[in-house]
Structure formats: structure tokens, C-alpha cells
C-alpha atoms as a PDB file:
ATOM      1  CA  MET A   1      13.462  12.080   7.300  1.00  0.00           C
ATOM      2  CA  ASN A   2      11.006  14.268   9.142  1.00  0.00           C
ATOM      3  CA  GLY A   3       9.446  17.609   8.266  1.00  0.00           C
ATOM      4  CA  GLN A   4      12.179  19.595   9.989  1.00  0.00           C
ATOM      5  CA  ASP A   5      14.882  17.789   7.996  1.00  0.00           C
ATOM      6  CA  TYR A   6      13.113  18.573   4.730  1.00  0.00           C
ATOM      7  CA  ALA A   7      12.637  22.206   5.796  1.00  0.00           C
ATOM      8  CA  GLU A   8      16.382  22.553   6.361  1.00  0.00           C
ATOM      9  CA  LEU A   9      17.133  21.024   2.962  1.00  0.00           C
ATOM     10  CA  LEU A  10      14.651  23.329   1.247  1.00  0.00           C
ATOM     11  CA  GLY A  11      16.259  26.293   2.979  1.00  0.00           C
ATOM     12  CA  LEU A  12      19.637  25.278   1.538  1.00  0.00           C
ATOM     13  CA  LEU A  13      18.151  25.446  -1.957  1.00  0.00           C
ATOM     14  CA  LEU A  14      17.260  29.138  -1.633  1.00  0.00           C
ATOM     15  CA  PRO A  15      19.618  31.758  -3.065  1.00  0.00           C
ATOM     16  CA  PRO A  16      21.670  32.938  -0.060  1.00  0.00           C
ATOM     17  CA  LYS A  17      21.516  36.676  -0.710  1.00  0.00           C
ATOM     18  CA  SER A  18      17.872  36.802  -1.759  1.00  0.00           C
ATOM     19  CA  TYR A  19      16.276  35.260   1.320  1.00  0.00           C
ATOM     20  CA  SER A  20      16.933  35.542   5.009  1.00  0.00           C
ATOM     21  CA  LEU A  21      16.486  32.143   6.635  1.00  0.00           C
ATOM     22  CA  ASP A  22      15.832  33.906   9.949  1.00  0.00           C
ATOM     23  CA  GLY A  23      12.471  35.256   8.766  1.00  0.00           C
ATOM     24  CA  GLU A  24       9.504  33.833  10.671  1.00  0.00           C
ATOM     25  CA  GLN A  25       7.232  33.611   7.620  1.00  0.00           C
ATOM     26  CA  LEU A  26       9.878  31.861   5.542  1.00  0.00           C
ATOM     27  CA  LYS A  27      10.588  29.403   8.388  1.00  0.00           C
ATOM     28  CA  ALA A  28       6.878  28.624   8.670  1.00  0.00           C
ATOM     29  CA  GLU A  29       6.557  28.115   4.904  1.00  0.00           C
ATOM     30  CA  LEU A  30       9.611  25.866   4.714  1.00  0.00           C
ATOM     31  CA  LEU A  31       8.379  23.841   7.680  1.00  0.00           C
ATOM     32  CA  ALA A  32       4.922  23.413   6.133  1.00  0.00           C
ATOM     33  CA  GLU A  33       6.469  22.255   2.864  1.00  0.00           C
ATOM     34  CA  GLY A  34       8.865  20.016   4.781  1.00  0.00           C
ATOM     35  CA  HIS A  35       5.980  18.286   6.550  1.00  0.00           C
ATOM     36  CA  CYS A  36       4.255  17.810   3.207  1.00  0.00           C
ATOM     37  CA  LEU A  37       7.367  16.167   1.749  1.00  0.00           C
ATOM     38  CA  ALA A  38       7.669  13.891   4.800  1.00  0.00           C
ATOM     39  CA  ARG A  39       4.052  12.717   4.269  1.00  0.00           C
ATOM     40  CA  VAL A  40       4.796  12.091   0.592  1.00  0.00           C
ATOM     41  CA  GLU A  41       7.743   9.921   1.592  1.00  0.00           C
ATOM     42  CA  ILE A  42       5.527   7.852   3.910  1.00  0.00           C
ATOM     43  CA  LYS A  43       2.849   7.435   1.237  1.00  0.00           C
ATOM     44  CA  SER A  44       5.419   6.421  -1.362  1.00  0.00           C
ATOM     45  CA  ASP A  45       6.644   3.684   0.987  1.00  0.00           C
ATOM     46  CA  GLU A  46       3.058   2.428   1.274  1.00  0.00           C
ATOM     47  CA  VAL A  47       2.778   2.253  -2.509  1.00  0.00           C
ATOM     48  CA  VAL A  48       6.091   0.417  -2.836  1.00  0.00           C
ATOM     49  CA  ASN A  49       5.020  -2.052  -0.139  1.00  0.00           C
ATOM     50  CA  GLY A  50       1.657  -2.516  -1.846  1.00  0.00           C
ATOM     51  CA  ILE A  51       3.182  -3.776  -5.090  1.00  0.00           C
ATOM     52  CA  THR A  52       3.045  -7.281  -3.649  1.00  0.00           C
ATOM     53  CA  PRO A  53       0.603  -8.471  -0.997  1.00  0.00           C
ATOM     54  CA  PHE A  54       3.450  -9.608   1.278  1.00  0.00           C
ATOM     55  CA  PHE A  55       3.853  -6.141   2.822  1.00  0.00           C
ATOM     56  CA  ALA A  56       0.623  -4.457   1.712  1.00  0.00           C
ATOM     57  CA  VAL A  57      -1.300  -2.627   4.403  1.00  0.00           C
ATOM     58  CA  SER A  58      -3.247   0.287   2.984  1.00  0.00           C
ATOM     59  CA  LEU A  59      -3.376  -1.264  -0.500  1.00  0.00           C
ATOM     60  CA  LEU A  60      -4.453  -4.709   0.708  1.00  0.00           C
ATOM     61  CA  SER A  61      -8.098  -3.796   0.134  1.00  0.00           C
ATOM     62  CA  ASP A  62      -7.263  -3.141  -3.527  1.00  0.00           C
ATOM     63  CA  TRP A  63      -5.764  -6.626  -3.826  1.00  0.00           C
ATOM     64  CA  GLU A  64      -8.936  -8.077  -2.290  1.00  0.00           C
ATOM     65  CA  ARG A  65     -11.146  -6.083  -4.641  1.00  0.00           C
ATOM     66  CA  VAL A  66      -9.216  -7.109  -7.753  1.00  0.00           C
ATOM     67  CA  LEU A  67      -9.257 -10.772  -6.720  1.00  0.00           C
ATOM     68  CA  ALA A  68     -12.973 -10.602  -5.770  1.00  0.00           C
ATOM     69  CA  LEU A  69     -12.348 -11.721  -2.201  1.00  0.00           C
ATOM     70  CA  SER A  70     -14.770 -11.108   0.617  1.00  0.00           C
ATOM     71  CA  VAL A  71     -13.315  -9.913   3.897  1.00  0.00           C
ATOM     72  CA  ASP A  72     -14.653 -10.753   7.304  1.00  0.00           C
ATOM     73  CA  ASP A  73     -14.237  -8.032   9.950  1.00  0.00           C
ATOM     74  CA  SER A  74     -12.802 -10.601  12.356  1.00  0.00           C
ATOM     75  CA  MET A  75      -9.895 -11.443  10.031  1.00  0.00           C
ATOM     76  CA  THR A  76      -6.434 -10.283  11.013  1.00  0.00           C
ATOM     77  CA  LEU A  77      -4.116  -8.529   8.600  1.00  0.00           C
ATOM     78  CA  GLN A  78      -2.061 -11.712   8.253  1.00  0.00           C
ATOM     79  CA  GLN A  79      -5.166 -13.787   7.476  1.00  0.00           C
ATOM     80  CA  ARG A  80      -6.198 -11.292   4.818  1.00  0.00           C
ATOM     81  CA  ARG A  81      -2.734 -11.444   3.252  1.00  0.00           C
ATOM     82  CA  GLN A  82      -2.824 -15.246   3.304  1.00  0.00           C
ATOM     83  CA  GLN A  83      -6.216 -15.208   1.592  1.00  0.00           C
ATOM     84  CA  VAL A  84      -4.869 -12.948  -1.157  1.00  0.00           C
ATOM     85  CA  LEU A  85      -1.754 -15.091  -1.614  1.00  0.00           C
ATOM     86  CA  ALA A  86      -3.816 -18.277  -1.742  1.00  0.00           C
ATOM     87  CA  LYS A  87      -5.996 -16.808  -4.476  1.00  0.00           C
ATOM     88  CA  ILE A  88      -2.980 -15.657  -6.479  1.00  0.00           C
ATOM     89  CA  ASN A  89      -1.276 -19.029  -6.111  1.00  0.00           C
ATOM     90  CA  ALA A  90      -4.355 -21.037  -6.995  1.00  0.00           C
ATOM     91  CA  THR A  91      -3.410 -22.785 -10.181  1.00  0.00           C
ATOM     92  CA  GLY A  92      -5.556 -24.895 -12.389  1.00  0.00           C
ATOM     93  CA  GLY A  93      -4.969 -28.319 -13.704  1.00  0.00           C
ATOM     94  CA  LEU A  94      -6.381 -30.886 -16.057  1.00  0.00           C
ATOM     95  CA  SER A  95      -7.461 -33.405 -13.453  1.00  0.00           C
ATOM     96  CA  ARG A  96     -11.081 -34.321 -12.778  1.00  0.00           C
ATOM     97  CA  ASN A  97     -10.704 -33.442  -9.097  1.00  0.00           C
ATOM     98  CA  TYR A  98      -9.581 -29.927  -9.940  1.00  0.00           C
ATOM     99  CA  PHE A  99     -12.662 -29.218 -12.046  1.00  0.00           C
ATOM    100  CA  ILE A 100     -15.003 -30.888  -9.543  1.00  0.00           C
ATOM    101  CA  ASN A 101     -13.554 -28.723  -6.753  1.00  0.00           C
ATOM    102  CA  LEU A 102     -13.716 -25.652  -8.980  1.00  0.00           C
ATOM    103  CA  ALA A 103     -17.396 -26.315  -9.671  1.00  0.00           C
ATOM    104  CA  LYS A 104     -18.053 -26.822  -5.941  1.00  0.00           C
ATOM    105  CA  SER A 105     -16.416 -23.497  -5.162  1.00  0.00           C
ATOM    106  CA  LEU A 106     -18.804 -21.877  -7.633  1.00  0.00           C
ATOM    107  CA  GLY A 107     -21.844 -23.562  -6.060  1.00  0.00           C
ATOM    108  CA  TYR A 108     -22.314 -26.519  -8.423  1.00  0.00           C
ATOM    109  CA  ASN A 109     -22.426 -30.152  -7.376  1.00  0.00           C
ATOM    110  CA  ILE A 110     -20.920 -32.625  -9.803  1.00  0.00           C
ATOM    111  CA  SER A 111     -20.887 -36.351  -9.319  1.00  0.00           C
ATOM    112  CA  ASN A 112     -18.429 -38.753 -10.898  1.00  0.00           C
END
């Protein structure tokens, strides 16, 4: 819905005999509030999409911050999402290779 749609709905909520919907000031107020509600709807969609990194756009930086990922300015949105998903899906193990690779990722060299 857009701001005009919300303004019309808000106008329907007013008591019919108390307000004249033809008034210029009331129309302007309802339209301003309608635009505000339309922006809230857009922002709420961003929050819902940001719950998982699959559709995150504006909240993707929060995922990167929480997972301690560094972002290169040349990375595309899809590459950033893939980086977040890879970090989330990284699972440990009990094998020697896992711990050797983990140590390497932290800057330590371990030999067999």
C-alpha cells in the first residue's frame, strides 16, 4: 500500500459527523500520516527479510558484525551473503585436519 491508500483508510476511521474529509488541513494531515505508515511497512519488510541472511539487505551488515567478518568494498551483495552463510554453516569436527585448518585460519602453523 502507498501513502494515499493509508490516508484513505485513516479517513474512514474518523467519526463521520465530527470531521469533514473535504478539509484541506485534514487531508494534508492524513496524507502525511499515510506516508509515514507506508514507510513503516517498508521498514518492517526489511526487518522480516533480515531475520535470515538469505534475503538480508539493510541488515546484512549486522550479520557481518556479529560473525566478525570483514567486508571488501568490491564484494557484491551475493558474495557478502555467501560469506555470512559459509560462516554460519562452518561446523567443527574431531579430526586432526579440522583443527590444523582452524589453527591456520587463526594464524598458527601446526605440523603433523
